PDB file of N, CA and C in Angstrom:
ATOM      1  N   MET A   1    -103.976  47.024  37.628  1.00  0.00           N
ATOM      2  CA  MET A   1    -104.332  46.911  38.817  1.00  0.00           C
ATOM      3  C   MET A   1    -105.669  48.263  38.666  1.00  0.00           C
ATOM      4  N   GLY A   2    -105.519  49.174  37.149  1.00  0.00           N
ATOM      5  CA  GLY A   2    -106.155  50.520  37.864  1.00  0.00           C
ATOM      6  C   GLY A   2    -107.134  49.982  37.048  1.00  0.00           C
ATOM      7  N   ILE A   3    -108.371  48.796  36.469  1.00  0.00           N
ATOM      8  CA  ILE A   3    -109.777  48.418  36.509  1.00  0.00           C
ATOM      9  C   ILE A   3    -110.136  48.123  37.542  1.00  0.00           C
ATOM     10  N   HIS A   4    -109.423  47.802  38.937  1.00  0.00           N
ATOM     11  CA  HIS A   4    -110.232  48.506  40.322  1.00  0.00           C
ATOM     12  C   HIS A   4    -110.117  49.349  40.752  1.00  0.00           C
ATOM     13  N   TYR A   5    -109.502  50.226  39.950  1.00  0.00           N
ATOM     14  CA  TYR A   5    -110.404  51.813  40.881  1.00  0.00           C
ATOM     15  C   TYR A   5    -110.929  52.539  39.602  1.00  0.00           C
ATOM     16  N   ASP A   6    -111.219  52.051  38.994  1.00  0.00           N
ATOM     17  CA  ASP A   6    -111.886  52.216  36.974  1.00  0.00           C
ATOM     18  C   ASP A   6    -113.309  51.482  37.191  1.00  0.00           C
ATOM     19  N   TYR A   7    -113.287  50.978  38.519  1.00  0.00           N
ATOM     20  CA  TYR A   7    -114.425  50.551  37.451  1.00  0.00           C
ATOM     21  C   TYR A   7    -115.426  50.730  39.175  1.00  0.00           C
ATOM     22  N   LYS A   8    -115.446  51.330  39.470  1.00  0.00           N
ATOM     23  CA  LYS A   8    -116.886  52.381  40.533  1.00  0.00           C
ATOM     24  C   LYS A   8    -116.617  53.647  39.810  1.00  0.00           C
ATOM     25  N   SER A   9    -115.628  54.661  39.432  1.00  0.00           N
ATOM     26  CA  SER A   9    -116.274  55.185  38.874  1.00  0.00           C
ATOM     27  C   SER A   9    -116.991  54.891  37.210  1.00  0.00           C
ATOM     28  N   THR A  10    -116.930  54.268  36.474  1.00  0.00           N
ATOM     29  CA  THR A  10    -118.062  54.692  35.472  1.00  0.00           C
ATOM     30  C   THR A  10    -118.965  53.454  35.158  1.00  0.00           C
ATOM     31  N   LYS A  11    -119.101  53.357  36.534  1.00  0.00           N
ATOM     32  CA  LYS A  11    -120.234  51.881  36.730  1.00  0.00           C
ATOM     33  C   LYS A  11    -120.783  52.737  36.728  1.00  0.00           C
ATOM     34  N   GLY A  12    -121.760  54.280  37.074  1.00  0.00           N
ATOM     35  CA  GLY A  12    -122.789  54.677  36.551  1.00  0.00           C
ATOM     36  C   GLY A  12    -122.687  55.309  35.125  1.00  0.00           C
ATOM     37  N   SER A  13    -121.580  56.047  34.604  1.00  0.00           N
ATOM     38  CA  SER A  13    -121.773  56.224  33.211  1.00  0.00           C
ATOM     39  C   SER A  13    -122.212  54.873  32.287  1.00  0.00           C
ATOM     40  N   LYS A  14    -121.338  53.787  32.234  1.00  0.00           N
ATOM     41  CA  LYS A  14    -121.644  52.279  31.975  1.00  0.00           C
ATOM     42  C   LYS A  14    -123.624  52.335  31.923  1.00  0.00           C
ATOM     43  N   LEU A  15    -123.686  52.175  33.386  1.00  0.00           N
ATOM     44  CA  LEU A  15    -124.886  51.864  32.996  1.00  0.00           C
ATOM     45  C   LEU A  15    -126.564  53.259  32.967  1.00  0.00           C
ATOM     46  N   MET A  16    -126.016  53.921  32.388  1.00  0.00           N
ATOM     47  CA  MET A  16    -126.427  55.039  32.135  1.00  0.00           C
ATOM     48  C   MET A  16    -126.508  54.749  30.851  1.00  0.00           C
ATOM     49  N   GLU A  17    -125.916  54.561  30.285  1.00  0.00           N
ATOM     50  CA  GLU A  17    -125.997  54.002  28.191  1.00  0.00           C
ATOM     51  C   GLU A  17    -126.341  52.912  28.704  1.00  0.00           C
ATOM     52  N   LYS A  18    -126.140  51.916  28.978  1.00  0.00           N
ATOM     53  CA  LYS A  18    -126.837  50.353  28.917  1.00  0.00           C
ATOM     54  C   LYS A  18    -128.482  50.714  28.894  1.00  0.00           C
ATOM     55  N   GLN A  19    -129.109  51.651  30.059  1.00  0.00           N
ATOM     56  CA  GLN A  19    -130.372  52.014  29.607  1.00  0.00           C
ATOM     57  C   GLN A  19    -130.809  52.901  28.635  1.00  0.00           C
ATOM     58  N   ALA A  20    -129.955  53.942  28.711  1.00  0.00           N
ATOM     59  CA  ALA A  20    -130.511  55.105  27.447  1.00  0.00           C
ATOM     60  C   ALA A  20    -130.899  53.595  25.424  1.00  0.00           C
ATOM     61  N   LYS A  21    -129.831  52.672  25.636  1.00  0.00           N
ATOM     62  CA  LYS A  21    -129.052  52.052  24.743  1.00  0.00           C
ATOM     63  C   LYS A  21    -130.940  50.933  24.697  1.00  0.00           C
ATOM     64  N   ARG A  22    -131.388  50.701  25.748  1.00  0.00           N
ATOM     65  CA  ARG A  22    -132.512  49.696  26.052  1.00  0.00           C
ATOM     66  C   ARG A  22    -133.928  50.270  24.897  1.00  0.00           C
ATOM     67  N   GLU A  23    -133.760  51.725  25.881  1.00  0.00           N
ATOM     68  CA  GLU A  23    -134.954  52.363  26.291  1.00  0.00           C
ATOM     69  C   GLU A  23    -134.917  52.880  24.124  1.00  0.00           C
ATOM     70  N   LYS A  24    -133.642  52.593  23.807  1.00  0.00           N
ATOM     71  CA  LYS A  24    -133.780  53.057  22.650  1.00  0.00           C
ATOM     72  C   LYS A  24    -134.706  52.190  21.503  1.00  0.00           C
ATOM     73  N   LYS A  25    -134.103  50.570  21.848  1.00  0.00           N
ATOM     74  CA  LYS A  25    -134.300  49.878  21.085  1.00  0.00           C
ATOM     75  C   LYS A  25    -136.399  49.411  20.941  1.00  0.00           C
ATOM     76  N   LEU A  26    -136.643  50.204  22.139  1.00  0.00           N
ATOM     77  CA  LEU A  26    -137.750  49.645  22.798  1.00  0.00           C
ATOM     78  C   LEU A  26    -138.928  50.907  21.851  1.00  0.00           C
ATOM     79  N   ALA A  27    -138.192  52.535  21.560  1.00  0.00           N
ATOM     80  CA  ALA A  27    -138.864  53.010  21.094  1.00  0.00           C
ATOM     81  C   ALA A  27    -138.968  52.423  19.208  1.00  0.00           C
ATOM     82  N   GLU A  28    -137.694  51.962  18.586  1.00  0.00           N
ATOM     83  CA  GLU A  28    -137.368  51.738  17.417  1.00  0.00           C
ATOM     84  C   GLU A  28    -138.550  50.934  17.056  1.00  0.00           C
ATOM     85  N   LYS A  29    -139.411  49.804  18.205  1.00  0.00           N
ATOM     86  CA  LYS A  29    -139.988  48.665  17.981  1.00  0.00           C
ATOM     87  C   LYS A  29    -141.146  49.247  18.327  1.00  0.00           C
ATOM     88  N   LYS A  30    -141.591  50.406  19.043  1.00  0.00           N
ATOM     89  CA  LYS A  30    -142.417  50.522  19.037  1.00  0.00           C
ATOM     90  C   LYS A  30    -143.282  51.649  17.508  1.00  0.00           C
ATOM     91  N   ALA A  31    -142.271  51.620  17.443  1.00  0.00           N
ATOM     92  CA  ALA A  31    -142.888  52.167  15.877  1.00  0.00           C
ATOM     93  C   ALA A  31    -143.316  52.040  14.672  1.00  0.00           C
ATOM     94  N   LYS A  32    -142.160  50.575  15.483  1.00  0.00           N
ATOM     95  CA  LYS A  32    -142.312  49.689  13.480  1.00  0.00           C
ATOM     96  C   LYS A  32    -143.968  49.364  13.719  1.00  0.00           C
ATOM     97  N   ARG A  33    -143.773  48.871  14.944  1.00  0.00           N
ATOM     98  CA  ARG A  33    -145.706  48.335  15.747  1.00  0.00           C
ATOM     99  C   ARG A  33    -145.836  48.940  14.906  1.00  0.00           C
ATOM    100  N   LYS A  34    -146.561  50.600  15.510  1.00  0.00           N
ATOM    101  CA  LYS A  34    -147.368  51.443  15.130  1.00  0.00           C
ATOM    102  C   LYS A  34    -147.738  51.558  13.550  1.00  0.00           C
ATOM    103  N   ALA A  35    -146.539  52.009  12.616  1.00  0.00           N
ATOM    104  CA  ALA A  35    -146.831  51.379  11.042  1.00  0.00           C
ATOM    105  C   ALA A  35    -147.358  49.893  10.820  1.00  0.00           C
ATOM    106  N   LYS A  36    -147.338  49.200  11.648  1.00  0.00           N
ATOM    107  CA  LYS A  36    -147.180  48.433  11.069  1.00  0.00           C
ATOM    108  C   LYS A  36    -148.960  47.791  11.259  1.00  0.00           C
ATOM    109  N   GLU A  37    -149.260  48.639  12.197  1.00  0.00           N
ATOM    110  CA  GLU A  37    -150.722  48.341  12.989  1.00  0.00           C
ATOM    111  C   GLU A  37    -151.712  50.053  12.549  1.00  0.00           C
ATOM    112  N   GLY A  38    -150.899  50.691  11.391  1.00  0.00           N
ATOM    113  CA  GLY A  38    -151.508  51.712  10.913  1.00  0.00           C
ATOM    114  C   GLY A  38    -151.468  51.615   9.344  1.00  0.00           C
ATOM    115  N   SER A  39    -150.909  49.957   8.313  1.00  0.00           N
ATOM    116  CA  SER A  39    -150.807  49.668   7.103  1.00  0.00           C
ATOM    117  C   SER A  39    -151.899  48.847   7.455  1.00  0.00           C
ATOM    118  N   LYS A  40    -152.227  47.883   8.328  1.00  0.00           N
ATOM    119  CA  LYS A  40    -153.370  47.572   8.682  1.00  0.00           C
ATOM    120  C   LYS A  40    -154.853  47.761   8.683  1.00  0.00           C
ATOM    121  N   LYS A  41    -155.194  49.029   9.519  1.00  0.00           N
ATOM    122  CA  LYS A  41    -156.222  49.548   9.628  1.00  0.00           C
ATOM    123  C   LYS A  41    -156.203  50.113   8.063  1.00  0.00           C
ATOM    124  N   GLU A  42    -155.510  50.719   7.438  1.00  0.00           N
ATOM    125  CA  GLU A  42    -156.083  51.140   5.476  1.00  0.00           C
ATOM    126  C   GLU A  42    -156.175  49.724   4.990  1.00  0.00           C
ATOM    127  N   ALA A  43    -155.876  48.628   4.615  1.00  0.00           N
ATOM    128  CA  ALA A  43    -156.743  48.561   4.373  1.00  0.00           C
ATOM    129  C   ALA A  43    -158.033  47.738   5.110  1.00  0.00           C
ATOM    130  N   VAL A  44    -157.769  47.192   5.404  1.00  0.00           N
ATOM    131  CA  VAL A  44    -159.579  47.500   6.481  1.00  0.00           C
ATOM    132  C   VAL A  44    -160.765  47.720   5.528  1.00  0.00           C
ATOM    133  N   ALA A  45    -159.863  49.134   5.719  1.00  0.00           N
ATOM    134  CA  ALA A  45    -161.179  50.414   5.167  1.00  0.00           C
ATOM    135  C   ALA A  45    -161.048  50.978   3.661  1.00  0.00           C
ATOM    136  N   GLU A  46    -160.650  49.902   2.680  1.00  0.00           N
ATOM    137  CA  GLU A  46    -160.550  49.464   1.017  1.00  0.00           C
ATOM    138  C   GLU A  46    -161.240  48.699   0.731  1.00  0.00           C
ATOM    139  N   LYS A  47    -161.535  47.374   1.971  1.00  0.00           N
ATOM    140  CA  LYS A  47    -162.502  46.109   1.467  1.00  0.00           C
ATOM    141  C   LYS A  47    -163.523  46.764   1.753  1.00  0.00           C
ATOM    142  N   THR A  48    -164.219  47.530   2.357  1.00  0.00           N
ATOM    143  CA  THR A  48    -166.000  47.287   2.454  1.00  0.00           C
ATOM    144  C   THR A  48    -166.507  47.467   0.636  1.00  0.00           C
ATOM    145  N   LEU A  49    -167.754  47.124   0.813  1.00  0.00           N
ATOM    146  CA  LEU A  49    -168.162  46.717  -0.043  1.00  0.00           C
ATOM    147  C   LEU A  49    -169.132  47.735  -0.605  1.00  0.00           C
ATOM    148  N   ASP A  50    -170.065  48.175  -1.453  1.00  0.00           N
ATOM    149  CA  ASP A  50    -171.138  49.579  -2.021  1.00  0.00           C
ATOM    150  C   ASP A  50    -171.503  48.368  -2.226  1.00  0.00           C
ATOM    151  N   ALA A  51    -172.591  49.127  -1.166  1.00  0.00           N
ATOM    152  CA  ALA A  51    -174.041  49.101  -0.970  1.00  0.00           C
ATOM    153  C   ALA A  51    -175.011  49.237  -1.876  1.00  0.00           C
ATOM    154  N   SER A  52    -175.022  50.614  -2.762  1.00  0.00           N
ATOM    155  CA  SER A  52    -175.771  51.259  -4.476  1.00  0.00           C
ATOM    156  C   SER A  52    -175.801  49.084  -4.877  1.00  0.00           C
ATOM    157  N   LYS A  53    -174.843  48.819  -5.063  1.00  0.00           N
ATOM    158  CA  LYS A  53    -173.965  47.758  -6.150  1.00  0.00           C
ATOM    159  C   LYS A  53    -174.845  46.527  -5.719  1.00  0.00           C
ATOM    160  N   PRO A  54    -174.726  45.767  -6.872  1.00  0.00           N
ATOM    161  CA  PRO A  54    -175.503  44.016  -6.741  1.00  0.00           C
ATOM    162  C   PRO A  54    -174.525  43.600  -6.366  1.00  0.00           C
ATOM    163  N   ILE A  55    -174.990  42.507  -5.621  1.00  0.00           N
ATOM    164  CA  ILE A  55    -173.938  41.312  -5.333  1.00  0.00           C
ATOM    165  C   ILE A  55    -173.706  40.227  -6.600  1.00  0.00           C
ATOM    166  N   THR A  56    -172.524  40.191  -7.939  1.00  0.00           N
ATOM    167  CA  THR A  56    -173.548  39.227  -8.888  1.00  0.00           C
ATOM    168  C   THR A  56    -172.745  38.296  -8.742  1.00  0.00           C
ATOM    169  N   LEU A  57    -172.739  37.065  -9.480  1.00  0.00           N
ATOM    170  CA  LEU A  57    -171.588  35.974  -8.739  1.00  0.00           C
ATOM    171  C   LEU A  57    -170.354  36.259  -9.526  1.00  0.00           C
ATOM    172  N   ASP A  58    -169.609  36.113 -11.144  1.00  0.00           N
ATOM    173  CA  ASP A  58    -169.408  37.216 -11.410  1.00  0.00           C
ATOM    174  C   ASP A  58    -168.455  38.192 -10.368  1.00  0.00           C
ATOM    175  N   PHE A  59    -168.605  38.206  -9.537  1.00  0.00           N
ATOM    176  CA  PHE A  59    -167.877  39.407  -8.507  1.00  0.00           C
ATOM    177  C   PHE A  59    -167.443  38.391  -6.836  1.00  0.00           C
ATOM    178  N   LEU A  60    -168.678  37.095  -6.728  1.00  0.00           N
ATOM    179  CA  LEU A  60    -168.138  36.298  -6.209  1.00  0.00           C
ATOM    180  C   LEU A  60    -166.782  35.202  -6.234  1.00  0.00           C
ATOM    181  N   THR A  61    -167.474  34.516  -7.986  1.00  0.00           N
ATOM    182  CA  THR A  61    -166.031  33.645  -8.563  1.00  0.00           C
ATOM    183  C   THR A  61    -164.819  34.880  -8.240  1.00  0.00           C
ATOM    184  N   ASN A  62    -165.051  36.080  -8.624  1.00  0.00           N
ATOM    185  CA  ASN A  62    -163.885  36.858  -9.075  1.00  0.00           C
ATOM    186  C   ASN A  62    -163.459  37.671  -8.394  1.00  0.00           C
ATOM    187  N   PRO A  63    -163.039  38.518  -7.187  1.00  0.00           N
ATOM    188  CA  PRO A  63    -163.112  39.392  -6.559  1.00  0.00           C
ATOM    189  C   PRO A  63    -162.568  40.655  -6.975  1.00  0.00           C
ATOM    190  N   ASP A  64    -160.892  39.895  -6.857  1.00  0.00           N
ATOM    191  CA  ASP A  64    -160.392  41.316  -8.203  1.00  0.00           C
ATOM    192  C   ASP A  64    -160.090  41.869  -9.351  1.00  0.00           C
ATOM    193  N   LYS A  65    -161.096  41.246  -9.583  1.00  0.00           N
ATOM    194  CA  LYS A  65    -161.766  42.032 -10.743  1.00  0.00           C
ATOM    195  C   LYS A  65    -162.872  43.700 -10.488  1.00  0.00           C
ATOM    196  N   GLU A  66    -162.477  44.164 -11.584  1.00  0.00           N
ATOM    197  CA  GLU A  66    -163.248  45.365 -10.996  1.00  0.00           C
ATOM    198  C   GLU A  66    -163.984  45.921 -12.351  1.00  0.00           C
TER     199      GLU A  66
END
């Protein structure tokens, strides 16, 4: 019988705990997504070509060679 009397008194705190848990998960997802996007932007910046160097056939066939 105690469960019925206890339900209404603890309902508010349980809802607040659930909401805090939900917000924590969203914040973690947002931080993870932001970290992923940051690494992609850095990788794009590194791939730029130097305008003063000519593009050779060797560069076109083997771009990893430096």
